[in-house]
Amino acid sequence: MFQELALGGLLFSPLVLFAPLAFILSWITRFFLYKSGLYLKIWRVAWFEVGLYVCYLALVVYLLGS
């Protein structure tokens, strides 16, 4: 199960680390899609970006959560 992170006597959720990691992964993916020209072919860009972030967040939690 998830363990809390203790910093200076405060307890933080592991999502404090997982969420920025997922954001960085989604940013890198969007950057490469933009450079390759595939980003312009996405129909609903906002929904794609949200879905990409959620998928990366689920992947990070699955891989690093236990």
PDB file of N, CA and C in Angstrom:
ATOM      1  N   MET A   1       0.839  -1.176   0.000  1.00  0.00           N
ATOM      2  CA  MET A   1       0.000   0.000   0.000  1.00  0.00           C
ATOM      3  C   MET A   1       0.883   1.238   0.000  1.00  0.00           C
ATOM      4  N   PHE A   2       0.289   2.372  -0.279  1.00  0.00           N
ATOM      5  CA  PHE A   2       1.033   3.628  -0.343  1.00  0.00           C
ATOM      6  C   PHE A   2       1.527   4.041   1.029  1.00  0.00           C
ATOM      7  N   GLN A   3       2.705   4.602   1.051  1.00  0.00           N
ATOM      8  CA  GLN A   3       3.273   5.132   2.279  1.00  0.00           C
ATOM      9  C   GLN A   3       3.300   6.648   2.179  1.00  0.00           C
ATOM     10  N   GLU A   4       3.062   7.313   3.300  1.00  0.00           N
ATOM     11  CA  GLU A   4       3.145   8.760   3.312  1.00  0.00           C
ATOM     12  C   GLU A   4       4.605   9.190   3.290  1.00  0.00           C
ATOM     13  N   LEU A   5       4.839  10.378   2.756  1.00  0.00           N
ATOM     14  CA  LEU A   5       6.178  10.947   2.737  1.00  0.00           C
ATOM     15  C   LEU A   5       6.268  11.963   3.868  1.00  0.00           C
ATOM     16  N   ALA A   6       7.233  11.798   4.747  1.00  0.00           N
ATOM     17  CA  ALA A   6       7.396  12.711   5.882  1.00  0.00           C
ATOM     18  C   ALA A   6       8.507  13.707   5.570  1.00  0.00           C
ATOM     19  N   LEU A   7       8.145  14.977   5.503  1.00  0.00           N
ATOM     20  CA  LEU A   7       9.115  16.046   5.276  1.00  0.00           C
ATOM     21  C   LEU A   7       8.900  17.125   6.325  1.00  0.00           C
ATOM     22  N   GLY A   8       9.842  17.263   7.212  1.00  0.00           N
ATOM     23  CA  GLY A   8       9.751  18.288   8.242  1.00  0.00           C
ATOM     24  C   GLY A   8       8.583  18.099   9.183  1.00  0.00           C
ATOM     25  N   GLY A   9       8.198  16.875   9.429  1.00  0.00           N
ATOM     26  CA  GLY A   9       7.090  16.609  10.331  1.00  0.00           C
ATOM     27  C   GLY A   9       5.729  16.642   9.662  1.00  0.00           C
ATOM     28  N   LEU A  10       5.670  16.980   8.373  1.00  0.00           N
ATOM     29  CA  LEU A  10       4.407  16.989   7.641  1.00  0.00           C
ATOM     30  C   LEU A  10       4.309  15.725   6.801  1.00  0.00           C
ATOM     31  N   LEU A  11       3.131  15.183   6.729  1.00  0.00           N
ATOM     32  CA  LEU A  11       2.903  13.977   5.929  1.00  0.00           C
ATOM     33  C   LEU A  11       2.291  14.366   4.585  1.00  0.00           C
ATOM     34  N   PHE A  12       2.897  13.864   3.506  1.00  0.00           N
ATOM     35  CA  PHE A  12       2.415  14.145   2.168  1.00  0.00           C
ATOM     36  C   PHE A  12       2.010  12.860   1.486  1.00  0.00           C
ATOM     37  N   SER A  13       1.020  12.963   0.637  1.00  0.00           N
ATOM     38  CA  SER A  13       0.570  11.826  -0.152  1.00  0.00           C
ATOM     39  C   SER A  13       1.619  11.502  -1.212  1.00  0.00           C
ATOM     40  N   PRO A  14       1.731  10.245  -1.608  1.00  0.00           N
ATOM     41  CA  PRO A  14       2.663   9.906  -2.690  1.00  0.00           C
ATOM     42  C   PRO A  14       2.282  10.558  -4.022  1.00  0.00           C
ATOM     43  N   LEU A  15       1.024  10.964  -4.139  1.00  0.00           N
ATOM     44  CA  LEU A  15       0.608  11.633  -5.370  1.00  0.00           C
ATOM     45  C   LEU A  15       1.309  12.972  -5.558  1.00  0.00           C
ATOM     46  N   VAL A  16       1.890  13.507  -4.483  1.00  0.00           N
ATOM     47  CA  VAL A  16       2.661  14.742  -4.601  1.00  0.00           C
ATOM     48  C   VAL A  16       3.858  14.515  -5.528  1.00  0.00           C
ATOM     49  N   LEU A  17       4.380  13.320  -5.561  1.00  0.00           N
ATOM     50  CA  LEU A  17       5.473  12.983  -6.470  1.00  0.00           C
ATOM     51  C   LEU A  17       4.974  12.392  -7.789  1.00  0.00           C
ATOM     52  N   PHE A  18       3.890  11.633  -7.744  1.00  0.00           N
ATOM     53  CA  PHE A  18       3.397  10.956  -8.936  1.00  0.00           C
ATOM     54  C   PHE A  18       2.792  11.920  -9.947  1.00  0.00           C
ATOM     55  N   ALA A  19       2.050  12.930  -9.478  1.00  0.00           N
ATOM     56  CA  ALA A  19       1.373  13.857 -10.384  1.00  0.00           C
ATOM     57  C   ALA A  19       2.356  14.671 -11.228  1.00  0.00           C
ATOM     58  N   PRO A  20       3.403  15.266 -10.649  1.00  0.00           N
ATOM     59  CA  PRO A  20       4.353  15.981 -11.518  1.00  0.00           C
ATOM     60  C   PRO A  20       5.099  15.057 -12.486  1.00  0.00           C
ATOM     61  N   LEU A  21       5.380  13.839 -12.061  1.00  0.00           N
ATOM     62  CA  LEU A  21       6.048  12.895 -12.947  1.00  0.00           C
ATOM     63  C   LEU A  21       5.161  12.570 -14.146  1.00  0.00           C
ATOM     64  N   ALA A  22       3.879  12.368 -13.911  1.00  0.00           N
ATOM     65  CA  ALA A  22       2.938  12.112 -15.006  1.00  0.00           C
ATOM     66  C   ALA A  22       2.814  13.336 -15.908  1.00  0.00           C
ATOM     67  N   PHE A  23       2.854  14.528 -15.333  1.00  0.00           N
ATOM     68  CA  PHE A  23       2.781  15.743 -16.133  1.00  0.00           C
ATOM     69  C   PHE A  23       4.014  15.874 -17.034  1.00  0.00           C
ATOM     70  N   ILE A  24       5.184  15.568 -16.507  1.00  0.00           N
ATOM     71  CA  ILE A  24       6.406  15.647 -17.303  1.00  0.00           C
ATOM     72  C   ILE A  24       6.364  14.636 -18.448  1.00  0.00           C
ATOM     73  N   LEU A  25       5.904  13.429 -18.169  1.00  0.00           N
ATOM     74  CA  LEU A  25       5.793  12.420 -19.225  1.00  0.00           C
ATOM     75  C   LEU A  25       4.803  12.838 -20.310  1.00  0.00           C
ATOM     76  N   SER A  26       3.677  13.412 -19.896  1.00  0.00           N
ATOM     77  CA  SER A  26       2.703  13.853 -20.894  1.00  0.00           C
ATOM     78  C   SER A  26       3.226  15.046 -21.684  1.00  0.00           C
ATOM     79  N   TRP A  27       3.992  15.920 -21.050  1.00  0.00           N
ATOM     80  CA  TRP A  27       4.573  17.056 -21.757  1.00  0.00           C
ATOM     81  C   TRP A  27       5.581  16.581 -22.805  1.00  0.00           C
ATOM     82  N   ILE A  28       6.395  15.614 -22.446  1.00  0.00           N
ATOM     83  CA  ILE A  28       7.373  15.070 -23.397  1.00  0.00           C
ATOM     84  C   ILE A  28       6.657  14.426 -24.582  1.00  0.00           C
ATOM     85  N   THR A  29       5.587  13.682 -24.312  1.00  0.00           N
ATOM     86  CA  THR A  29       4.827  13.049 -25.389  1.00  0.00           C
ATOM     87  C   THR A  29       4.197  14.098 -26.296  1.00  0.00           C
ATOM     88  N   ARG A  30       3.615  15.146 -25.707  1.00  0.00           N
ATOM     89  CA  ARG A  30       3.026  16.214 -26.519  1.00  0.00           C
ATOM     90  C   ARG A  30       4.079  16.929 -27.352  1.00  0.00           C
ATOM     91  N   PHE A  31       5.275  17.115 -26.793  1.00  0.00           N
ATOM     92  CA  PHE A  31       6.359  17.770 -27.523  1.00  0.00           C
ATOM     93  C   PHE A  31       6.742  16.958 -28.757  1.00  0.00           C
ATOM     94  N   PHE A  32       6.904  15.641 -28.592  1.00  0.00           N
ATOM     95  CA  PHE A  32       7.276  14.806 -29.732  1.00  0.00           C
ATOM     96  C   PHE A  32       6.138  14.685 -30.742  1.00  0.00           C
ATOM     97  N   LEU A  33       4.904  14.682 -30.289  1.00  0.00           N
ATOM     98  CA  LEU A  33       3.782  14.674 -31.226  1.00  0.00           C
ATOM     99  C   LEU A  33       3.730  15.968 -32.023  1.00  0.00           C
ATOM    100  N   TYR A  34       4.020  17.081 -31.381  1.00  0.00           N
ATOM    101  CA  TYR A  34       4.021  18.374 -32.073  1.00  0.00           C
ATOM    102  C   TYR A  34       5.148  18.438 -33.089  1.00  0.00           C
ATOM    103  N   LYS A  35       6.340  17.957 -32.705  1.00  0.00           N
ATOM    104  CA  LYS A  35       7.483  17.985 -33.620  1.00  0.00           C
ATOM    105  C   LYS A  35       7.281  17.054 -34.817  1.00  0.00           C
ATOM    106  N   SER A  36       6.586  15.953 -34.633  1.00  0.00           N
ATOM    107  CA  SER A  36       6.370  15.010 -35.724  1.00  0.00           C
ATOM    108  C   SER A  36       5.198  15.406 -36.625  1.00  0.00           C
ATOM    109  N   GLY A  37       4.390  16.364 -36.207  1.00  0.00           N
ATOM    110  CA  GLY A  37       3.256  16.790 -37.014  1.00  0.00           C
ATOM    111  C   GLY A  37       1.972  16.046 -36.717  1.00  0.00           C
ATOM    112  N   LEU A  38       2.031  15.054 -35.853  1.00  0.00           N
ATOM    113  CA  LEU A  38       0.822  14.292 -35.518  1.00  0.00           C
ATOM    114  C   LEU A  38      -0.117  15.060 -34.593  1.00  0.00           C
ATOM    115  N   TYR A  39       0.413  16.064 -33.909  1.00  0.00           N
ATOM    116  CA  TYR A  39      -0.401  16.830 -32.966  1.00  0.00           C
ATOM    117  C   TYR A  39      -1.529  17.583 -33.677  1.00  0.00           C
ATOM    118  N   LEU A  40      -1.284  17.962 -34.933  1.00  0.00           N
ATOM    119  CA  LEU A  40      -2.291  18.702 -35.700  1.00  0.00           C
ATOM    120  C   LEU A  40      -3.438  17.812 -36.153  1.00  0.00           C
ATOM    121  N   LYS A  41      -3.256  16.511 -36.117  1.00  0.00           N
ATOM    122  CA  LYS A  41      -4.294  15.571 -36.567  1.00  0.00           C
ATOM    123  C   LYS A  41      -5.224  15.135 -35.437  1.00  0.00           C
ATOM    124  N   ILE A  42      -4.974  15.590 -34.228  1.00  0.00           N
ATOM    125  CA  ILE A  42      -5.823  15.223 -33.092  1.00  0.00           C
ATOM    126  C   ILE A  42      -7.100  16.039 -33.167  1.00  0.00           C
ATOM    127  N   TRP A  43      -8.220  15.360 -33.040  1.00  0.00           N
ATOM    128  CA  TRP A  43      -9.499  16.023 -33.228  1.00  0.00           C
ATOM    129  C   TRP A  43      -9.838  16.912 -32.041  1.00  0.00           C
ATOM    130  N   ARG A  44      -9.853  16.385 -30.848  1.00  0.00           N
ATOM    131  CA  ARG A  44     -10.145  17.139 -29.628  1.00  0.00           C
ATOM    132  C   ARG A  44      -8.880  17.188 -28.779  1.00  0.00           C
ATOM    133  N   VAL A  45      -8.132  18.251 -28.925  1.00  0.00           N
ATOM    134  CA  VAL A  45      -6.814  18.346 -28.299  1.00  0.00           C
ATOM    135  C   VAL A  45      -6.912  18.350 -26.776  1.00  0.00           C
ATOM    136  N   ALA A  46      -7.857  19.097 -26.225  1.00  0.00           N
ATOM    137  CA  ALA A  46      -7.976  19.196 -24.767  1.00  0.00           C
ATOM    138  C   ALA A  46      -8.316  17.836 -24.153  1.00  0.00           C
ATOM    139  N   TRP A  47      -9.229  17.116 -24.772  1.00  0.00           N
ATOM    140  CA  TRP A  47      -9.594  15.792 -24.246  1.00  0.00           C
ATOM    141  C   TRP A  47      -8.437  14.822 -24.384  1.00  0.00           C
ATOM    142  N   PHE A  48      -7.689  14.941 -25.463  1.00  0.00           N
ATOM    143  CA  PHE A  48      -6.521  14.086 -25.641  1.00  0.00           C
ATOM    144  C   PHE A  48      -5.482  14.343 -24.555  1.00  0.00           C
ATOM    145  N   GLU A  49      -5.229  15.616 -24.252  1.00  0.00           N
ATOM    146  CA  GLU A  49      -4.231  15.950 -23.234  1.00  0.00           C
ATOM    147  C   GLU A  49      -4.653  15.478 -21.851  1.00  0.00           C
ATOM    148  N   VAL A  50      -5.918  15.614 -21.528  1.00  0.00           N
ATOM    149  CA  VAL A  50      -6.410  15.138 -20.233  1.00  0.00           C
ATOM    150  C   VAL A  50      -6.315  13.616 -20.158  1.00  0.00           C
ATOM    151  N   GLY A  51      -6.724  12.943 -21.225  1.00  0.00           N
ATOM    152  CA  GLY A  51      -6.650  11.483 -21.260  1.00  0.00           C
ATOM    153  C   GLY A  51      -5.222  10.973 -21.195  1.00  0.00           C
ATOM    154  N   LEU A  52      -4.319  11.671 -21.870  1.00  0.00           N
ATOM    155  CA  LEU A  52      -2.910  11.296 -21.830  1.00  0.00           C
ATOM    156  C   LEU A  52      -2.353  11.430 -20.420  1.00  0.00           C
ATOM    157  N   TYR A  53      -2.689  12.539 -19.747  1.00  0.00           N
ATOM    158  CA  TYR A  53      -2.221  12.748 -18.377  1.00  0.00           C
ATOM    159  C   TYR A  53      -2.773  11.680 -17.431  1.00  0.00           C
ATOM    160  N   VAL A  54      -4.046  11.370 -17.565  1.00  0.00           N
ATOM    161  CA  VAL A  54      -4.664  10.368 -16.692  1.00  0.00           C
ATOM    162  C   VAL A  54      -4.049   8.995 -16.929  1.00  0.00           C
ATOM    163  N   CYS A  55      -3.785   8.655 -18.182  1.00  0.00           N
ATOM    164  CA  CYS A  55      -3.156   7.362 -18.475  1.00  0.00           C
ATOM    165  C   CYS A  55      -1.746   7.291 -17.919  1.00  0.00           C
ATOM    166  N   TYR A  56      -0.985   8.371 -18.062  1.00  0.00           N
ATOM    167  CA  TYR A  56       0.361   8.381 -17.495  1.00  0.00           C
ATOM    168  C   TYR A  56       0.321   8.349 -15.969  1.00  0.00           C
ATOM    169  N   LEU A  57      -0.633   9.035 -15.369  1.00  0.00           N
ATOM    170  CA  LEU A  57      -0.752   9.007 -13.910  1.00  0.00           C
ATOM    171  C   LEU A  57      -1.085   7.599 -13.429  1.00  0.00           C
ATOM    172  N   ALA A  58      -1.989   6.920 -14.118  1.00  0.00           N
ATOM    173  CA  ALA A  58      -2.322   5.539 -13.746  1.00  0.00           C
ATOM    174  C   ALA A  58      -1.121   4.629 -13.922  1.00  0.00           C
ATOM    175  N   LEU A  59      -0.342   4.830 -14.977  1.00  0.00           N
ATOM    176  CA  LEU A  59       0.844   4.017 -15.209  1.00  0.00           C
ATOM    177  C   LEU A  59       1.900   4.252 -14.115  1.00  0.00           C
ATOM    178  N   VAL A  60       2.104   5.509 -13.745  1.00  0.00           N
ATOM    179  CA  VAL A  60       3.095   5.831 -12.708  1.00  0.00           C
ATOM    180  C   VAL A  60       2.664   5.255 -11.357  1.00  0.00           C
ATOM    181  N   VAL A  61       1.394   5.377 -11.032  1.00  0.00           N
ATOM    182  CA  VAL A  61       0.898   4.829  -9.765  1.00  0.00           C
ATOM    183  C   VAL A  61       1.027   3.304  -9.770  1.00  0.00           C
ATOM    184  N   TYR A  62       0.731   2.689 -10.901  1.00  0.00           N
ATOM    185  CA  TYR A  62       0.841   1.223 -10.981  1.00  0.00           C
ATOM    186  C   TYR A  62       2.283   0.763 -10.836  1.00  0.00           C
ATOM    187  N   LEU A  63       3.209   1.455 -11.491  1.00  0.00           N
ATOM    188  CA  LEU A  63       4.606   1.022 -11.475  1.00  0.00           C
ATOM    189  C   LEU A  63       5.331   1.394 -10.181  1.00  0.00           C
ATOM    190  N   LEU A  64       5.077   2.563  -9.659  1.00  0.00           N
ATOM    191  CA  LEU A  64       5.822   3.038  -8.486  1.00  0.00           C
ATOM    192  C   LEU A  64       5.034   2.970  -7.188  1.00  0.00           C
ATOM    193  N   GLY A  65       3.764   2.625  -7.265  1.00  0.00           N
ATOM    194  CA  GLY A  65       2.912   2.666  -6.082  1.00  0.00           C
ATOM    195  C   GLY A  65       3.168   1.579  -5.071  1.00  0.00           C
ATOM    196  N   SER A  66       3.645   0.467  -5.494  1.00  0.00           N
ATOM    197  CA  SER A  66       3.840  -0.628  -4.540  1.00  0.00           C
ATOM    198  C   SER A  66       5.281  -0.743  -4.226  1.00  0.00           C
TER     199      SER A  66
END
